[in-house]
Protein backbone atom coordinates (compact mmCIF):
# COMPACT_ATOMS: atom_id res chain seq x y z
CA MET A 1 94.73 79.16 78.80
CA LYS A 2 96.27 75.56 79.61
CA PHE A 3 96.47 74.24 83.05
CA ALA A 4 100.23 74.20 83.16
CA GLU A 5 100.43 78.02 82.14
CA LEU A 6 97.86 78.77 84.76
CA ALA A 7 100.19 77.17 87.30
CA ARG A 8 103.24 78.94 86.22
CA SER A 9 101.31 82.08 85.90
CA ALA A 10 102.26 84.79 88.62
CA ALA A 11 99.03 86.77 88.42
CA LEU A 12 97.36 85.13 91.32
CA VAL A 13 99.77 82.97 93.33
CA THR A 14 103.28 83.87 94.69
CA ALA A 15 104.85 80.49 94.40
CA VAL A 16 103.87 77.11 92.77
CA ALA A 17 105.06 73.85 94.34
CA LEU A 18 104.59 70.86 92.43
CA ILE A 19 103.54 67.73 94.15
CA PRO A 20 102.66 64.35 92.64
CA ALA A 21 99.00 63.46 91.98
CA THR A 22 97.65 61.26 94.59
CA THR A 23 97.26 57.74 93.13
CA ALA A 24 96.43 55.90 96.43
CA GLY A 25 92.50 55.64 96.74
CA LEU A 26 90.95 55.12 100.09
CA ALA A 27 90.82 51.32 99.56
CA GLN A 28 94.59 51.28 100.01
CA VAL A 29 94.42 53.21 103.56
CA ASP A 30 94.80 51.17 106.55
CA ALA A 31 95.27 51.42 110.20
CA ARG A 32 99.34 51.78 109.66
CA ALA A 33 98.51 55.12 108.36
CA GLY A 34 97.38 56.22 111.58
CA PRO A 35 93.92 55.64 113.48
CA GLU A 36 92.45 59.06 112.10
CA PHE A 37 92.88 57.61 108.59
CA ALA A 38 91.33 54.28 109.65
CA SER A 39 88.40 56.23 110.88
CA LEU A 40 88.03 58.08 107.67
CA PHE A 41 88.02 54.73 105.76
CA ALA A 42 85.55 53.11 108.07
CA THR A 43 83.32 56.06 107.72
CA TYR A 44 83.56 55.59 103.80
CA GLN A 45 82.87 52.02 104.02
CA ARG A 46 79.52 52.54 106.50
CA ILE A 47 78.25 55.33 103.86
CA LYS A 48 78.86 53.11 100.90
CA ALA A 49 77.15 50.06 102.62
CA SER A 50 74.24 51.69 104.46
CA TYR A 51 73.48 55.05 103.21
CA VAL A 52 69.66 55.17 102.06
CA GLU A 53 70.76 55.85 98.53
CA PRO A 54 73.99 54.66 96.55
CA VAL A 55 76.68 57.26 96.88
CA GLU A 56 79.20 57.59 94.01
CA ASP A 57 83.05 57.76 95.16
CA ASP A 58 83.62 61.07 93.42
CA VAL A 59 81.02 62.66 95.47
CA LEU A 60 82.43 61.34 98.81
CA ILE A 61 86.11 62.18 97.87
CA ARG A 62 85.33 65.66 96.95
CA GLY A 63 83.16 65.80 100.28
CA ALA A 64 86.15 64.86 102.31
CA ILE A 65 88.75 67.06 100.54
CA ASP A 66 86.43 70.03 100.88
CA GLY A 67 85.92 69.14 104.63
CA MET A 68 89.73 69.04 105.18
CA LEU A 69 90.18 72.52 103.40
CA ALA A 70 87.22 74.04 105.36
CA ALA A 71 88.88 73.10 108.40
CA LEU A 72 91.94 75.36 107.71
CA ASP A 73 90.90 78.88 106.59
CA PRO A 74 88.50 80.70 104.28
CA HIS A 75 91.09 80.95 101.22
CA SER A 76 92.39 77.29 100.88
CA ALA A 77 90.18 75.28 98.43
CA TYR A 78 90.11 72.54 96.11
CA LEU A 79 90.02 73.88 92.34
CA ASP A 80 88.89 71.97 89.19
CA GLY A 81 86.72 72.54 86.08
CA SER A 82 84.79 75.78 86.70
CA ASP A 83 86.76 76.81 89.66
CA LEU A 84 90.13 76.89 87.45
CA GLU A 85 88.22 78.63 84.97
CA ARG A 86 87.13 81.25 87.09
CA LEU A 87 90.98 81.62 88.10
CA GLU A 88 91.55 81.95 84.37
CA THR A 89 89.32 84.79 83.92
CA LEU A 90 90.46 86.75 86.75
CA ILE A 91 94.15 86.48 85.15
CA ASP A 92 92.76 87.29 81.54
CA GLY A 93 90.76 90.03 83.21
CA ASN A 94 87.54 89.72 81.14
CA TYR A 95 83.97 87.69 81.31
CA SER A 96 80.34 88.33 80.93
CA GLY A 97 78.68 88.94 84.08
CA LEU A 98 77.80 91.47 86.98
CA GLY A 99 81.41 92.51 88.42
CA LEU A 100 81.26 91.55 91.95
CA SER A 101 83.88 90.16 94.30
CA VAL A 102 81.93 87.94 96.70
CA VAL A 103 82.72 85.19 99.46
CA LEU A 104 80.65 82.58 101.28
CA GLU A 105 79.86 83.32 104.63
CA ASP A 106 78.20 81.03 106.90
CA GLY A 107 75.98 79.97 103.74
CA ALA A 108 75.21 83.21 102.52
CA VAL A 109 76.86 85.02 99.37
CA LYS A 110 78.47 88.33 100.74
CA VAL A 111 79.82 91.22 98.40
CA ILE A 112 83.34 92.13 99.36
CA SER A 113 83.07 94.77 96.54
CA PRO A 114 81.88 95.85 93.20
CA PHE A 115 84.40 96.37 90.52
CA ARG A 116 84.45 99.91 89.50
CA GLY A 117 82.38 100.71 86.35
CA SER A 118 80.81 97.28 86.61
CA PRO A 119 76.89 96.60 86.13
CA ALA A 120 76.95 95.68 89.88
CA GLU A 121 78.17 99.06 90.72
CA ASP A 122 75.96 101.11 88.60
CA ALA A 123 73.03 99.20 90.12
CA GLY A 124 74.13 100.41 93.34
CA MET A 125 75.47 97.43 94.99
CA LYS A 126 77.61 97.91 97.98
CA ALA A 127 80.56 96.11 99.99
CA GLY A 128 78.77 94.16 102.82
CA ASP A 129 75.51 93.31 100.95
CA TYR A 130 74.05 89.87 101.24
CA ILE A 131 72.53 88.16 98.15
CA THR A 132 69.85 86.05 99.24
CA HIS A 133 67.86 85.22 96.30
CA LEU A 134 68.58 84.99 92.22
CA ASP A 135 65.42 85.42 90.21
CA GLY A 136 63.64 84.87 93.21
CA GLU A 137 65.07 81.45 94.30
CA LEU A 138 66.73 81.25 97.46
CA ILE A 139 70.57 80.58 97.63
CA TYR A 140 71.26 80.70 101.10
CA GLY A 141 73.21 77.33 102.16
CA GLY A 142 74.23 76.46 98.56
CA ASP A 143 77.37 76.42 96.63
CA LEU A 144 79.42 79.71 95.95
CA ASP A 145 80.54 78.44 92.33
CA GLU A 146 76.93 77.72 91.70
CA ALA A 147 75.84 81.13 92.54
CA VAL A 148 78.70 82.76 90.68
CA ALA A 149 78.03 80.70 87.55
CA ARG A 150 74.40 81.70 87.54
CA MET A 151 75.38 85.51 88.04
CA ARG A 152 77.38 85.15 84.78
CA GLY A 153 75.86 84.93 81.58
CA PRO A 154 75.55 86.77 78.08
CA ALA A 155 76.07 90.44 78.03
CA GLY A 156 72.53 92.00 77.87
CA SER A 157 70.66 89.61 79.76
CA SER A 158 69.37 90.43 82.94
CA ILE A 159 68.96 88.77 86.72
CA ARG A 160 67.04 89.90 89.65
CA LEU A 161 68.96 89.87 92.93
CA THR A 162 67.46 90.04 96.38
CA ILE A 163 69.83 92.04 98.39
CA PHE A 164 69.97 92.21 102.44
CA ARG A 165 71.72 95.15 103.44
CA PRO A 166 72.70 95.85 107.02
CA GLY A 167 71.31 98.86 108.39
CA ARG A 168 67.98 98.59 106.37
CA ASP A 169 64.74 97.00 107.88
CA GLU A 170 63.84 95.06 104.53
CA PRO A 171 65.33 93.16 102.07
CA PHE A 172 64.92 94.81 98.35
CA ASP A 173 65.56 93.61 94.74
CA VAL A 174 67.72 94.99 92.32
CA SER A 175 67.85 94.12 88.54
CA VAL A 176 71.06 94.07 86.79
CA THR A 177 71.90 93.81 83.25
CA ARG A 178 74.92 91.72 82.56
CA GLY A 179 77.83 93.23 80.65
CA VAL A 180 81.46 92.37 79.35
CA ILE A 181 83.48 92.80 82.36
CA GLU A 182 86.66 94.04 80.67
CA LEU A 183 88.82 94.64 84.01
CA GLU A 184 90.97 97.59 83.53
CA PRO A 185 93.57 97.01 86.11
CA VAL A 186 95.00 100.47 86.00
CA THR A 187 93.13 103.74 84.72
CA HIS A 188 94.23 107.59 85.18
CA GLU A 189 92.84 110.94 85.09
CA LEU A 190 94.49 114.30 85.50
CA MET A 191 92.80 116.25 88.09
CA PRO A 192 92.93 120.27 88.58
CA GLY A 193 96.02 121.54 90.16
CA ASN A 194 98.35 119.18 87.98
CA ILE A 195 97.33 116.39 90.44
CA GLY A 196 97.49 112.75 89.03
CA HIS A 197 94.65 110.14 90.10
CA ILE A 198 95.78 106.72 89.20
CA MET A 199 93.03 103.92 90.08
CA VAL A 200 94.45 100.53 90.62
CA ASN A 201 91.42 98.27 90.38
CA GLU A 202 93.16 94.64 90.67
CA PHE A 203 96.68 93.28 90.63
CA SER A 204 96.52 91.14 87.40
CA ARG A 205 99.21 90.62 84.92
CA ASP A 206 101.35 93.67 84.13
CA VAL A 207 99.83 96.09 86.84
CA GLY A 208 103.31 97.44 87.67
CA SER A 209 103.93 98.34 83.88
CA ASP A 210 100.51 99.84 83.43
CA VAL A 211 100.89 102.26 86.49
CA LEU A 212 104.35 103.32 84.96
CA ALA A 213 102.58 104.00 81.82
CA SER A 214 99.90 106.02 83.52
CA TRP A 215 102.61 108.20 85.27
CA ASP A 216 104.40 108.84 82.30
CA ALA A 217 100.75 109.76 80.34
CA LEU A 218 99.81 111.85 83.30
CA GLU A 219 103.31 113.85 83.15
CA GLU A 220 102.93 114.40 79.22
CA GLU A 221 99.26 115.60 79.83
CA ALA A 222 100.26 117.96 82.41
CA SER A 223 103.12 119.30 80.23
CA GLY A 224 105.66 118.92 83.12
CA ARG A 225 106.07 117.62 86.73
CA LEU A 226 103.01 116.64 88.84
CA SER A 227 102.30 118.39 91.77
CA GLY A 228 100.71 115.54 93.49
CA LEU A 229 99.55 112.08 93.02
CA VAL A 230 96.63 109.90 94.63
CA LEU A 231 97.19 106.17 94.25
CA ASP A 232 93.60 104.98 94.43
CA MET A 233 93.39 101.16 95.45
CA ARG A 234 89.86 101.35 97.13
CA SER A 235 87.78 98.14 96.43
CA ASN A 236 90.98 96.39 95.11
CA PRO A 237 90.65 92.81 96.30
CA GLY A 238 94.28 92.12 95.32
CA GLY A 239 95.92 89.63 93.17
CA SER A 240 99.73 88.94 92.29
CA LEU A 241 102.30 89.40 94.77
CA ASP A 242 104.66 90.05 92.06
CA GLU A 243 102.75 92.91 90.81
CA ALA A 244 102.33 94.59 94.29
CA VAL A 245 106.18 94.48 94.45
CA ALA A 246 106.48 95.90 91.13
CA LEU A 247 103.99 98.74 91.92
CA SER A 248 105.77 99.68 95.23
CA ASP A 249 108.93 99.61 93.61
CA LEU A 250 107.96 102.33 91.53
CA PHE A 251 107.78 104.97 94.32
CA LEU A 252 110.75 103.56 96.56
CA ASP A 253 114.62 103.99 95.99
CA ASP A 254 115.65 101.08 97.96
CA GLY A 255 114.75 99.06 101.02
CA ARG A 256 112.44 96.08 101.92
CA ILE A 257 108.93 96.16 100.30
CA VAL A 258 107.47 93.02 102.08
CA SER A 259 108.55 89.83 103.45
CA GLN A 260 106.76 86.30 103.72
CA ARG A 261 107.06 83.67 106.10
CA GLY A 262 106.12 79.94 105.85
CA ARG A 263 106.72 76.45 107.05
CA ALA A 264 109.00 75.60 103.81
CA ARG A 265 112.22 76.85 103.56
CA GLY A 266 111.12 78.00 99.77
CA GLU A 267 108.18 80.03 101.39
CA SER A 268 110.13 82.41 103.29
CA VAL A 269 111.17 85.00 100.92
CA VAL A 270 112.25 88.77 101.18
CA TYR A 271 111.22 91.28 98.45
CA GLU A 272 113.65 94.59 98.33
CA ALA A 273 113.09 97.58 95.97
CA GLU A 274 115.48 97.50 92.98
CA THR A 275 117.32 100.87 92.12
CA VAL A 276 118.67 99.58 88.72
CA PHE A 277 115.83 100.87 86.61
CA ARG A 278 114.48 104.23 87.68
CA GLY A 279 114.46 104.47 91.42
CA ASP A 280 111.63 106.38 92.88
CA ILE A 281 109.77 107.66 89.54
CA ALA A 282 107.74 110.37 91.60
CA GLU A 283 110.93 111.64 93.62
CA GLY A 284 109.72 114.70 95.50
CA VAL A 285 106.08 114.36 94.58
CA PRO A 286 103.79 113.93 97.77
CA ILE A 287 101.60 111.03 97.19
CA ILE A 288 98.45 109.82 99.02
CA VAL A 289 97.25 106.36 98.99
CA LEU A 290 93.40 105.88 99.12
CA ILE A 291 92.24 102.56 100.79
CA ASP A 292 88.91 101.10 102.35
CA ALA A 293 87.40 97.91 103.73
CA GLY A 294 87.48 96.61 100.35
CA SER A 295 91.16 96.95 99.83
CA ALA A 296 92.82 93.42 100.20
CA SER A 297 95.99 91.38 99.96
CA ALA A 298 98.28 93.16 97.15
CA SER A 299 96.61 96.20 97.83
CA GLU A 300 97.43 96.18 101.61
CA ILE A 301 101.23 95.11 100.58
CA VAL A 302 101.61 98.50 98.49
CA ALA A 303 100.08 100.57 101.11
CA GLY A 304 102.17 98.93 103.75
CA ALA A 305 105.23 99.44 101.95
CA LEU A 306 104.75 103.22 101.27
CA GLN A 307 103.43 103.88 104.76
CA ASP A 308 106.41 102.10 106.42
CA HIS A 309 108.89 103.81 104.15
CA ARG A 310 106.95 107.49 104.94
CA ARG A 311 106.81 107.69 101.14
CA ALA A 312 102.85 108.24 101.20
CA VAL A 313 100.15 109.26 103.44
CA ILE A 314 97.65 106.25 103.74
CA MET A 315 94.15 107.68 103.87
CA GLY A 316 90.54 106.42 103.83
CA ASP A 317 89.09 103.38 106.06
CA ARG A 318 91.07 100.75 107.63
CA SER A 319 91.89 97.90 104.98
CA PHE A 320 90.36 94.15 104.61
CA GLY A 321 93.08 92.77 106.57
CA LYS A 322 94.32 89.55 104.47
CA GLY A 323 97.77 89.12 105.40
CA SER A 324 98.33 85.47 103.89
CA VAL A 325 99.65 84.17 100.75
CA GLN A 326 98.21 81.51 98.77
CA SER A 327 99.93 78.94 96.40
CA LEU A 328 98.72 77.03 93.75
CA LEU A 329 99.61 73.34 94.12
CA PRO A 330 98.77 71.10 91.17
CA LEU A 331 97.26 67.80 91.96
CA GLY A 332 97.02 66.29 88.26
CA ARG A 333 96.12 67.81 84.64
CA ASP A 334 92.98 69.47 85.57
CA SER A 335 92.88 70.15 89.34
CA ALA A 336 94.81 71.86 92.05
CA LEU A 337 94.88 73.18 95.61
CA LYS A 338 94.84 77.01 96.39
CA LEU A 339 96.58 76.46 100.01
CA THR A 340 97.64 79.07 102.25
CA THR A 341 101.37 78.63 102.55
CA ALA A 342 102.64 81.71 104.22
CA ARG A 343 101.87 85.09 106.08
CA TYR A 344 103.42 88.20 104.63
CA TYR A 345 104.89 91.22 106.66
CA THR A 346 105.15 95.13 106.25
CA PRO A 347 108.76 96.32 105.95
CA ALA A 348 108.50 97.26 109.46
CA GLY A 349 107.69 93.83 110.42
CA HIS A 350 103.86 94.32 111.09
CA SER A 351 101.18 91.66 109.77
CA VAL A 352 98.19 92.91 108.30
CA GLN A 353 96.38 89.53 109.08
CA GLU A 354 92.96 90.62 110.69
CA GLY A 355 93.96 94.18 111.58
CA GLY A 356 94.59 95.60 108.09
CA ILE A 357 96.32 98.58 107.12
CA LYS A 358 95.24 101.49 109.51
CA PRO A 359 95.23 104.75 107.66
CA ASP A 360 97.29 107.61 108.62
CA ILE A 361 94.39 110.07 108.26
CA ALA A 362 90.89 108.41 108.63
CA VAL A 363 88.52 109.53 106.28
CA PRO A 364 85.04 108.17 105.89
CA GLN A 365 83.13 107.82 102.62
CA LEU A 366 80.52 110.48 103.62
CA SER A 367 78.99 110.49 99.99
CA ASP A 368 77.54 107.26 100.74
CA PRO A 369 74.13 107.89 102.30
CA ASP A 370 73.87 104.39 103.67
CA LEU A 371 77.52 103.87 105.40
CA ALA A 372 76.75 105.25 108.76
CA LYS A 373 73.83 102.55 109.18
CA ARG A 374 75.95 99.77 107.85
CA SER A 375 79.49 100.74 108.59
CA ARG A 376 79.53 98.35 111.66
CA PHE A 377 78.51 95.62 109.35
CA ILE A 378 81.48 96.09 106.67
CA MET A 379 83.05 92.82 106.20
CA ARG A 380 86.90 92.14 106.71
CA GLU A 381 89.11 89.23 107.10
CA SER A 382 88.61 89.09 110.72
CA ASP A 383 85.02 88.50 110.27
CA LEU A 384 85.46 85.49 108.24
CA ARG A 385 84.65 82.25 109.87
CA GLY A 386 88.04 80.13 110.30
CA HIS A 387 90.32 82.91 109.43
CA LEU A 388 94.06 82.87 110.49
CA VAL A 389 94.47 84.71 113.79
CA ASN A 390 97.15 87.58 113.96
CA GLU A 391 100.15 86.30 115.75
CA LEU A 392 100.09 89.61 117.86
CA LYS A 393 96.63 88.53 119.45
CA LEU A 394 94.87 91.89 118.41
CA GLU A 395 92.19 92.81 120.67
CA ASP A 396 88.71 93.22 119.14
CA SER A 397 88.68 96.76 120.59
CA ALA A 398 91.65 97.84 118.46
CA LEU A 399 90.00 96.23 115.54
CA GLU A 400 86.98 98.28 115.88
CA SER A 401 88.22 101.57 117.18
CA ASP A 402 88.19 103.09 113.66
CA ARG A 403 84.16 103.07 113.73
CA ARG A 404 83.77 105.95 116.29
CA ASP A 405 82.39 109.00 114.88
CA ASP A 406 84.95 111.53 114.09
CA PRO A 407 84.00 115.26 114.61
CA ARG A 408 85.82 116.42 111.33
CA PHE A 409 83.44 114.72 109.40
CA GLN A 410 79.72 115.74 109.88
CA LYS A 411 78.25 116.63 106.45
CA THR A 412 75.59 114.45 105.24
CA ALA A 413 75.70 112.87 101.71
CA GLU A 414 72.69 115.29 100.37
CA GLU A 415 75.08 118.29 101.68
CA LEU A 416 78.02 117.22 99.83
CA LYS A 417 75.94 116.44 96.79
CA ASP A 418 74.65 120.03 96.65
CA GLU A 419 78.15 121.14 96.62
CA GLY A 420 79.04 118.62 93.77
CA ILE A 421 81.00 116.22 95.74
CA GLU A 422 80.33 112.66 94.51
CA ASP A 423 83.50 110.91 96.02
CA PHE A 424 84.16 112.44 99.26
CA GLN A 425 87.40 110.48 99.98
CA LEU A 426 89.04 111.60 96.78
CA HIS A 427 87.82 115.11 97.26
CA TYR A 428 89.54 115.28 100.76
CA ALA A 429 92.77 113.66 99.25
CA LEU A 430 92.80 116.44 96.28
CA GLU A 431 92.30 119.08 98.73
CA THR A 432 95.15 117.87 101.02
CA LEU A 433 97.31 117.78 98.10
CA ARG A 434 96.50 121.24 97.01
CA ARG A 435 97.27 122.49 100.30
CA THR A 436 100.64 120.61 100.50
CA ALA A 437 101.75 120.61 96.79
CA PRO A 438 103.11 124.42 96.76
CA ASN A 439 105.44 123.37 99.61
CA ALA A 440 106.51 120.25 97.91
CA VAL A 441 107.31 122.14 94.75
CA ALA A 442 109.14 124.69 96.50
CA ALA A 443 111.43 121.93 98.25
CA ARG A 444 112.19 120.52 94.86
CA ARG A 445 113.74 123.75 93.74
């Protein structure tokens, strides 16, 4: 994919503002640009003249750029070379590697979530894990792109990861065999009782169309109208705002889906449901949306829209809490800024930044035997250093209240396994729909 095509793509950015490439070098910066720039140039000169070893200009320039962006928020970054290639693979949806969504937190590589069906998930990796070593070599304090590049490799090859998991006393090693990660954005299955289960794993190109196709396939398989639908967006790290709008639009007749507000006039946009095509494709069918701490960004847009319109019951764990929009701003033919340019808001005007989407019915994943020990360590947006602060100034106690034990859910993972329940959250959602579906069917008649 050419860079121009990448910049135009709606797969990862909401809007692309073209800005001219910077042609002025540091040598052209003087005191007339302000004392801060004069200090920057003076520092550059002193390093060039006095550092213990010669330093190339591109190293200093890249360091200055990275320093400026690091002072903003965790999602703004300078992209070139391998960084742009990573962006391309996310859009295209396939590469060879482990299948992990990771971030760099205080020098440590931390797992947001493993992709469903990936080698990493099969090896038992969990959201909140820290990767400290690759093949025995310490990676703490290193570069995230270098760590990601090392984790990728030919399908069939193996790599040994040393994992620190909060709640466990000692680190442990996991050997993972790399595979071809063909990210299936949308998968579906028909569950007993004519209940559809649509899993949205990421928001890449054509996700809205894929969900529509899954709905049609489920209705055909059910030989009639579905009695309920579980829209599963757990461990979905997000992606395209346009695709989040398209997916939400499938289940709404009208009204606002999401709005975004930024400093620039062009960054303040309102997205409304379209009624020209089909309206609510599942009219009258009860819907449960499953989310967890790995549900971020575009996932939260969909959950917030369906929750505010009372079109679906949101179930699971509080979501990640990423309520910001990043735009790709080209700086030249082979580099760009991924810059936070706006915040987005649910139809009721709520920002999910920090706080995330709070489920209508909180359901822990009891079938995860380590969850009780590590739940307080699960990472969300509010845990990232330098994150944008919610404008409503949420209290920490409000963000952490969902960590209290709930007396409704006291079975152990072993007890659930004995009952044949591998995914308790999905099981709870299906049982809820089976209890409500007869009433919904009667109401449609």
